[in-house]
Protein backbone atom coordinates (compact mmCIF):
# COMPACT_ATOMS: atom_id res chain seq x y z
CA MET A 1 30.86 147.59 87.48
CA PRO A 2 32.13 143.96 87.13
CA ARG A 3 29.73 141.14 86.84
CA TYR A 4 30.04 137.95 88.93
CA PHE A 5 28.35 134.68 88.65
CA PHE A 6 27.28 132.42 91.56
CA THR A 7 27.11 128.78 90.75
CA VAL A 8 25.70 126.41 93.39
CA ASN A 9 26.60 122.69 93.21
CA ASP A 10 25.37 119.90 95.43
CA ARG A 11 24.84 116.64 93.48
CA ARG A 12 23.56 118.84 90.77
CA HIS A 13 25.01 121.93 89.12
CA TYR A 14 23.01 125.25 89.22
CA PRO A 15 24.82 127.78 87.02
CA ASP A 16 24.06 131.36 87.27
CA THR A 17 23.52 132.61 83.73
CA ASP A 18 22.55 136.07 84.66
CA GLY A 19 25.31 137.18 87.09
CA THR A 20 25.27 140.22 89.33
CA ASP A 21 26.97 143.56 89.14
CA LEU A 22 29.08 144.26 92.17
CA ASP A 23 31.80 146.69 93.24
CA GLY A 24 34.60 144.10 93.22
CA PRO A 25 35.85 140.65 94.40
CA ASP A 26 35.40 141.60 98.03
CA ALA A 27 31.75 142.35 97.45
CA ALA A 28 31.34 139.12 95.43
CA ARG A 29 32.82 136.99 98.29
CA PHE A 30 30.38 138.67 100.69
CA GLU A 31 27.43 137.90 98.36
CA ALA A 32 28.57 134.21 98.14
CA VAL A 33 28.43 133.89 101.89
CA VAL A 34 25.03 135.57 102.09
CA LEU A 35 23.68 133.28 99.32
CA ALA A 36 25.00 130.20 101.03
CA GLY A 37 23.27 131.37 104.31
CA TYR A 38 19.91 131.60 102.57
CA ILE A 39 20.26 128.19 100.99
CA LEU A 40 21.53 126.59 104.10
CA ARG A 41 18.45 127.94 105.87
CA ASP A 42 16.01 126.97 103.43
CA HIS A 43 17.43 123.68 102.09
CA ALA A 44 19.19 122.18 105.25
CA SER A 45 17.92 118.72 104.83
CA GLU A 46 19.17 118.51 101.33
CA ILE A 47 22.51 119.83 102.04
CA LEU A 48 23.18 117.35 104.79
CA THR A 49 22.87 114.51 102.25
CA ALA A 50 25.20 116.22 99.68
CA ASP A 51 28.77 115.04 99.45
CA ASP A 52 30.08 118.13 97.93
CA TRP A 53 28.16 121.30 98.43
CA HIS A 54 29.65 124.69 97.47
CA VAL A 55 29.10 128.07 95.95
CA ALA A 56 31.61 129.10 93.24
CA VAL A 57 32.00 132.63 92.17
CA THR A 58 33.59 133.49 88.73
CA ASN A 59 34.12 136.80 87.02
CA GLU A 60 33.00 137.74 83.50
CA GLN A 61 35.96 136.10 82.01
CA GLY A 62 35.00 132.73 83.76
CA SER A 63 38.03 132.93 86.25
CA PRO A 64 37.57 131.80 89.72
CA VAL A 65 37.22 134.30 92.35
CA PHE A 66 35.93 132.62 95.41
CA ARG A 67 34.67 129.20 96.44
CA LEU A 68 32.72 128.52 99.58
CA ASN A 69 32.65 124.76 100.67
CA VAL A 70 30.18 123.26 103.06
CA SER A 71 30.59 119.80 104.39
CA ALA A 72 28.65 117.78 106.94
CA GLY A 73 29.47 114.53 108.71
CA GLN A 74 28.82 112.56 111.55
CA ALA A 75 30.58 113.19 114.88
CA CYS A 76 33.32 110.67 115.79
């Protein structure tokens, strides 16, 4: 089973050094969305102040698989 790494970035960089074995890229994309949901729920106030918040997924070779961007701004 391939291994995928989920790195979270806000103003800081939180690399995933362990990775997770998953069935393939579709499963990795799904897990990125689930992870983002948990982080958004638990750390919403911090994310609202981040300029660039995202979860980046790479494979074992370090190649990008998926990136989930979250942005927040004031209504016009």
